N, C-alpha and C. Protein backbone atom coordinates (compact mmCIF):
# COMPACT_ATOMS: atom_id res chain seq x y z
N MET A 1 31.09 30.02 -24.12
CA MET A 1 31.49 28.66 -23.83
C MET A 1 30.50 27.70 -24.47
N ASN A 2 31.01 26.69 -25.11
CA ASN A 2 30.16 25.66 -25.69
C ASN A 2 29.81 24.63 -24.62
N LEU A 3 28.58 24.17 -24.66
CA LEU A 3 28.11 23.16 -23.71
C LEU A 3 27.83 21.86 -24.44
N ASN A 4 27.90 20.77 -23.72
CA ASN A 4 27.64 19.46 -24.29
C ASN A 4 26.14 19.15 -24.19
N THR A 5 25.33 20.02 -24.78
CA THR A 5 23.87 19.88 -24.78
C THR A 5 23.30 20.70 -25.92
N THR A 6 22.05 20.41 -26.27
CA THR A 6 21.33 21.23 -27.25
C THR A 6 20.27 22.09 -26.56
N SER A 7 20.21 22.02 -25.25
CA SER A 7 19.15 22.67 -24.49
C SER A 7 19.42 24.16 -24.23
N THR A 8 18.63 25.00 -24.88
CA THR A 8 18.71 26.43 -24.63
C THR A 8 18.29 26.73 -23.20
N ARG A 9 17.31 26.02 -22.70
CA ARG A 9 16.85 26.23 -21.32
C ARG A 9 17.97 25.96 -20.31
N ARG A 10 18.73 24.90 -20.51
CA ARG A 10 19.85 24.59 -19.61
C ARG A 10 20.94 25.65 -19.73
N ALA A 11 21.25 26.07 -20.95
CA ALA A 11 22.27 27.10 -21.15
C ALA A 11 21.86 28.41 -20.48
N ASN A 12 20.60 28.80 -20.65
CA ASN A 12 20.12 30.02 -20.03
C ASN A 12 20.13 29.92 -18.51
N ALA A 13 19.77 28.76 -17.98
CA ALA A 13 19.77 28.56 -16.53
C ALA A 13 21.18 28.76 -15.97
N ILE A 14 22.19 28.23 -16.66
CA ILE A 14 23.57 28.40 -16.22
C ILE A 14 23.97 29.86 -16.33
N ALA A 15 23.56 30.52 -17.41
CA ALA A 15 23.86 31.95 -17.58
C ALA A 15 23.26 32.76 -16.43
N TYR A 16 22.00 32.46 -16.05
CA TYR A 16 21.37 33.15 -14.91
C TYR A 16 22.14 32.88 -13.62
N ASP A 17 22.66 31.66 -13.47
CA ASP A 17 23.42 31.31 -12.27
C ASP A 17 24.69 32.15 -12.12
N VAL A 18 25.35 32.47 -13.22
CA VAL A 18 26.64 33.15 -13.13
C VAL A 18 26.58 34.66 -13.31
N ARG A 19 25.64 35.16 -14.08
CA ARG A 19 25.67 36.60 -14.37
C ARG A 19 25.33 37.43 -13.14
N GLU A 20 25.91 38.60 -13.05
CA GLU A 20 25.74 39.46 -11.88
C GLU A 20 24.27 39.75 -11.60
N LYS A 21 23.50 40.06 -12.61
CA LYS A 21 22.08 40.41 -12.42
C LYS A 21 21.28 39.24 -11.87
N GLY A 22 21.68 38.03 -12.18
CA GLY A 22 20.98 36.86 -11.67
C GLY A 22 19.69 36.57 -12.39
N ARG A 23 18.68 36.15 -11.61
CA ARG A 23 17.39 35.76 -12.18
C ARG A 23 16.27 36.34 -11.33
N PRO A 24 15.08 36.51 -11.91
CA PRO A 24 13.96 37.03 -11.12
C PRO A 24 13.43 35.98 -10.14
N VAL A 25 12.97 36.45 -9.01
CA VAL A 25 12.29 35.58 -8.04
C VAL A 25 10.92 35.26 -8.62
N ARG A 26 10.50 33.99 -8.55
CA ARG A 26 9.20 33.58 -9.08
C ARG A 26 8.38 32.86 -8.01
N GLU A 27 7.07 33.02 -8.10
CA GLU A 27 6.16 32.30 -7.21
C GLU A 27 5.99 30.88 -7.74
N GLY A 28 6.07 29.89 -6.88
CA GLY A 28 5.86 28.50 -7.30
C GLY A 28 6.97 28.01 -8.21
N ASN A 29 6.60 27.67 -9.45
CA ASN A 29 7.55 27.11 -10.41
C ASN A 29 8.64 28.12 -10.76
N SER A 30 9.90 27.71 -10.67
CA SER A 30 11.03 28.62 -10.89
C SER A 30 11.21 29.03 -12.35
N VAL A 31 10.51 28.35 -13.26
CA VAL A 31 10.61 28.69 -14.68
C VAL A 31 9.35 29.42 -15.16
N THR A 32 8.19 28.92 -14.78
CA THR A 32 6.94 29.47 -15.32
C THR A 32 6.13 30.27 -14.30
N GLY A 33 6.57 30.29 -13.05
CA GLY A 33 5.82 31.01 -12.02
C GLY A 33 5.80 32.51 -12.26
N LYS A 34 4.85 33.17 -11.65
CA LYS A 34 4.71 34.62 -11.77
C LYS A 34 5.90 35.31 -11.10
N ILE A 35 6.46 36.33 -11.79
CA ILE A 35 7.60 37.07 -11.26
C ILE A 35 7.14 37.92 -10.07
N VAL A 36 7.89 37.84 -8.97
CA VAL A 36 7.60 38.62 -7.76
C VAL A 36 8.19 40.01 -7.96
N ARG A 37 7.39 41.04 -7.64
CA ARG A 37 7.81 42.43 -7.82
C ARG A 37 7.79 43.18 -6.50
N ASP A 38 8.62 44.22 -6.42
CA ASP A 38 8.64 45.04 -5.21
C ASP A 38 7.53 46.08 -5.27
N GLU A 39 7.49 46.97 -4.29
CA GLU A 39 6.42 47.97 -4.21
C GLU A 39 6.46 48.97 -5.36
N ASN A 40 7.58 49.07 -6.08
CA ASN A 40 7.69 49.96 -7.23
C ASN A 40 7.44 49.25 -8.56
N GLY A 41 7.10 47.96 -8.49
CA GLY A 41 6.83 47.19 -9.69
C GLY A 41 8.06 46.58 -10.33
N GLU A 42 9.22 46.75 -9.70
CA GLU A 42 10.46 46.18 -10.23
C GLU A 42 10.58 44.72 -9.78
N PRO A 43 11.07 43.84 -10.66
CA PRO A 43 11.22 42.43 -10.26
C PRO A 43 12.27 42.26 -9.17
N LEU A 44 11.98 41.41 -8.20
CA LEU A 44 12.98 41.03 -7.21
C LEU A 44 13.92 40.03 -7.88
N MET A 45 15.21 40.17 -7.59
CA MET A 45 16.21 39.35 -8.27
C MET A 45 17.01 38.52 -7.28
N ILE A 46 17.37 37.31 -7.71
CA ILE A 46 18.33 36.46 -6.99
C ILE A 46 19.66 36.69 -7.70
N PRO A 47 20.64 37.30 -7.03
CA PRO A 47 21.89 37.63 -7.73
C PRO A 47 22.67 36.39 -8.17
N GLY A 48 23.42 36.54 -9.25
CA GLY A 48 24.27 35.47 -9.75
C GLY A 48 25.59 35.43 -9.03
N ALA A 49 26.44 34.50 -9.41
CA ALA A 49 27.69 34.23 -8.69
C ALA A 49 28.82 35.20 -9.02
N LEU A 50 28.79 35.83 -10.20
CA LEU A 50 29.96 36.60 -10.64
C LEU A 50 29.63 38.08 -10.85
N LYS A 51 30.43 38.93 -10.25
CA LYS A 51 30.31 40.38 -10.44
C LYS A 51 30.90 40.76 -11.80
N SER A 52 30.37 41.82 -12.38
CA SER A 52 30.85 42.37 -13.66
C SER A 52 30.75 41.37 -14.81
N VAL A 53 29.71 40.54 -14.77
CA VAL A 53 29.48 39.56 -15.84
C VAL A 53 28.04 39.67 -16.34
N LYS A 54 27.89 39.73 -17.65
CA LYS A 54 26.59 39.64 -18.31
C LYS A 54 26.63 38.34 -19.11
N ALA A 55 25.56 37.57 -19.08
CA ALA A 55 25.58 36.28 -19.77
C ALA A 55 24.20 35.90 -20.29
N ILE A 56 24.19 35.13 -21.36
CA ILE A 56 22.96 34.60 -21.93
C ILE A 56 23.27 33.23 -22.53
N GLY A 57 22.27 32.35 -22.52
CA GLY A 57 22.43 31.04 -23.13
C GLY A 57 21.60 30.96 -24.39
N TRP A 58 22.11 30.25 -25.39
CA TRP A 58 21.38 30.09 -26.64
C TRP A 58 21.85 28.86 -27.39
N PHE A 59 21.12 28.51 -28.43
CA PHE A 59 21.44 27.35 -29.26
C PHE A 59 22.08 27.84 -30.55
N ILE A 60 23.22 27.25 -30.91
CA ILE A 60 23.92 27.60 -32.14
C ILE A 60 23.60 26.53 -33.18
N LYS A 61 22.70 26.85 -34.06
CA LYS A 61 22.20 25.88 -35.04
C LYS A 61 23.32 25.30 -35.91
N GLU A 62 24.25 26.14 -36.35
CA GLU A 62 25.33 25.70 -37.24
C GLU A 62 26.21 24.63 -36.60
N TYR A 63 26.34 24.67 -35.28
CA TYR A 63 27.19 23.71 -34.58
C TYR A 63 26.40 22.63 -33.85
N GLY A 64 25.09 22.82 -33.74
CA GLY A 64 24.24 21.83 -33.08
C GLY A 64 24.46 21.72 -31.58
N ILE A 65 24.87 22.84 -30.95
CA ILE A 65 25.12 22.84 -29.50
C ILE A 65 24.58 24.12 -28.88
N ALA A 66 24.39 24.06 -27.57
CA ALA A 66 24.05 25.26 -26.82
C ALA A 66 25.33 25.94 -26.37
N GLN A 67 25.22 27.23 -26.14
CA GLN A 67 26.40 28.01 -25.80
C GLN A 67 26.02 29.08 -24.79
N ILE A 68 26.97 29.43 -23.94
CA ILE A 68 26.79 30.57 -23.05
C ILE A 68 27.71 31.66 -23.56
N SER A 69 27.12 32.81 -23.84
CA SER A 69 27.88 33.97 -24.29
C SER A 69 27.98 34.93 -23.11
N MET A 70 29.21 35.37 -22.81
CA MET A 70 29.43 36.26 -21.67
C MET A 70 30.16 37.52 -22.08
N ASN A 71 29.76 38.62 -21.47
CA ASN A 71 30.52 39.86 -21.53
C ASN A 71 31.11 40.07 -20.15
N LEU A 72 32.42 40.12 -20.07
CA LEU A 72 33.11 40.40 -18.82
C LEU A 72 33.39 41.90 -18.83
N THR A 73 32.61 42.65 -18.06
CA THR A 73 32.68 44.11 -18.13
C THR A 73 33.83 44.70 -17.33
N ASN A 74 34.45 43.91 -16.46
CA ASN A 74 35.62 44.36 -15.73
C ASN A 74 36.46 43.13 -15.38
N ILE A 75 37.47 42.87 -16.18
CA ILE A 75 38.27 41.64 -15.97
C ILE A 75 39.17 41.73 -14.74
N SER A 76 39.27 42.90 -14.13
CA SER A 76 39.97 43.00 -12.85
C SER A 76 39.12 42.45 -11.73
N VAL A 77 37.80 42.52 -11.90
CA VAL A 77 36.85 41.99 -10.91
C VAL A 77 36.61 40.51 -11.14
N THR A 78 36.30 40.14 -12.37
CA THR A 78 36.11 38.73 -12.74
C THR A 78 36.94 38.42 -13.97
N PRO A 79 38.10 37.80 -13.78
CA PRO A 79 38.94 37.43 -14.93
C PRO A 79 38.33 36.26 -15.70
N VAL A 80 38.81 36.06 -16.91
CA VAL A 80 38.29 35.03 -17.80
C VAL A 80 38.36 33.65 -17.16
N HIS A 81 39.46 33.30 -16.53
CA HIS A 81 39.60 31.95 -15.98
C HIS A 81 38.61 31.70 -14.83
N ILE A 82 38.28 32.72 -14.07
CA ILE A 82 37.29 32.58 -13.00
C ILE A 82 35.90 32.36 -13.60
N ALA A 83 35.56 33.14 -14.64
CA ALA A 83 34.27 32.97 -15.31
C ALA A 83 34.16 31.57 -15.92
N PHE A 84 35.21 31.12 -16.57
CA PHE A 84 35.22 29.79 -17.17
C PHE A 84 35.00 28.72 -16.10
N ASP A 85 35.76 28.79 -15.01
CA ASP A 85 35.64 27.80 -13.94
C ASP A 85 34.25 27.79 -13.32
N GLU A 86 33.66 28.96 -13.14
CA GLU A 86 32.33 29.03 -12.52
C GLU A 86 31.26 28.44 -13.44
N VAL A 87 31.36 28.69 -14.73
CA VAL A 87 30.41 28.09 -15.68
C VAL A 87 30.55 26.57 -15.66
N CYS A 88 31.79 26.07 -15.64
CA CYS A 88 32.01 24.62 -15.57
C CYS A 88 31.38 24.05 -14.31
N LYS A 89 31.58 24.72 -13.19
CA LYS A 89 31.02 24.27 -11.91
C LYS A 89 29.49 24.23 -11.96
N LYS A 90 28.88 25.29 -12.47
CA LYS A 90 27.41 25.35 -12.54
C LYS A 90 26.86 24.33 -13.54
N ALA A 91 27.56 24.11 -14.64
CA ALA A 91 27.13 23.12 -15.63
C ALA A 91 27.21 21.71 -15.04
N ASP A 92 28.30 21.41 -14.33
CA ASP A 92 28.44 20.10 -13.69
C ASP A 92 27.33 19.86 -12.68
N ALA A 93 26.93 20.90 -11.96
CA ALA A 93 25.89 20.78 -10.93
C ALA A 93 24.52 20.51 -11.56
N ARG A 94 24.34 20.85 -12.83
CA ARG A 94 23.05 20.67 -13.49
C ARG A 94 22.95 19.38 -14.27
N GLU A 95 23.98 18.54 -14.30
CA GLU A 95 23.94 17.28 -15.04
C GLU A 95 23.00 16.29 -14.41
């Protein structure tokens, strides 16, 4: 999905919001803080909103916009229209 921004950080934040794996828990600052780990050294994660979705945000230089790229690994669990609507919702919340 194309976003109306050039910010890779904003695109990635939205991707973390929606992807199943979510984002790591951090101490203090949610972007630069130290990642919190469990007793086995694995990062603790805050799950994302959508099951069976992998997502990443990046900047597309040729188009001059940021984009969220998603792999929907099971469209019976999360169909395309649900993923689209959730990204729109998360993007609107970050304006």
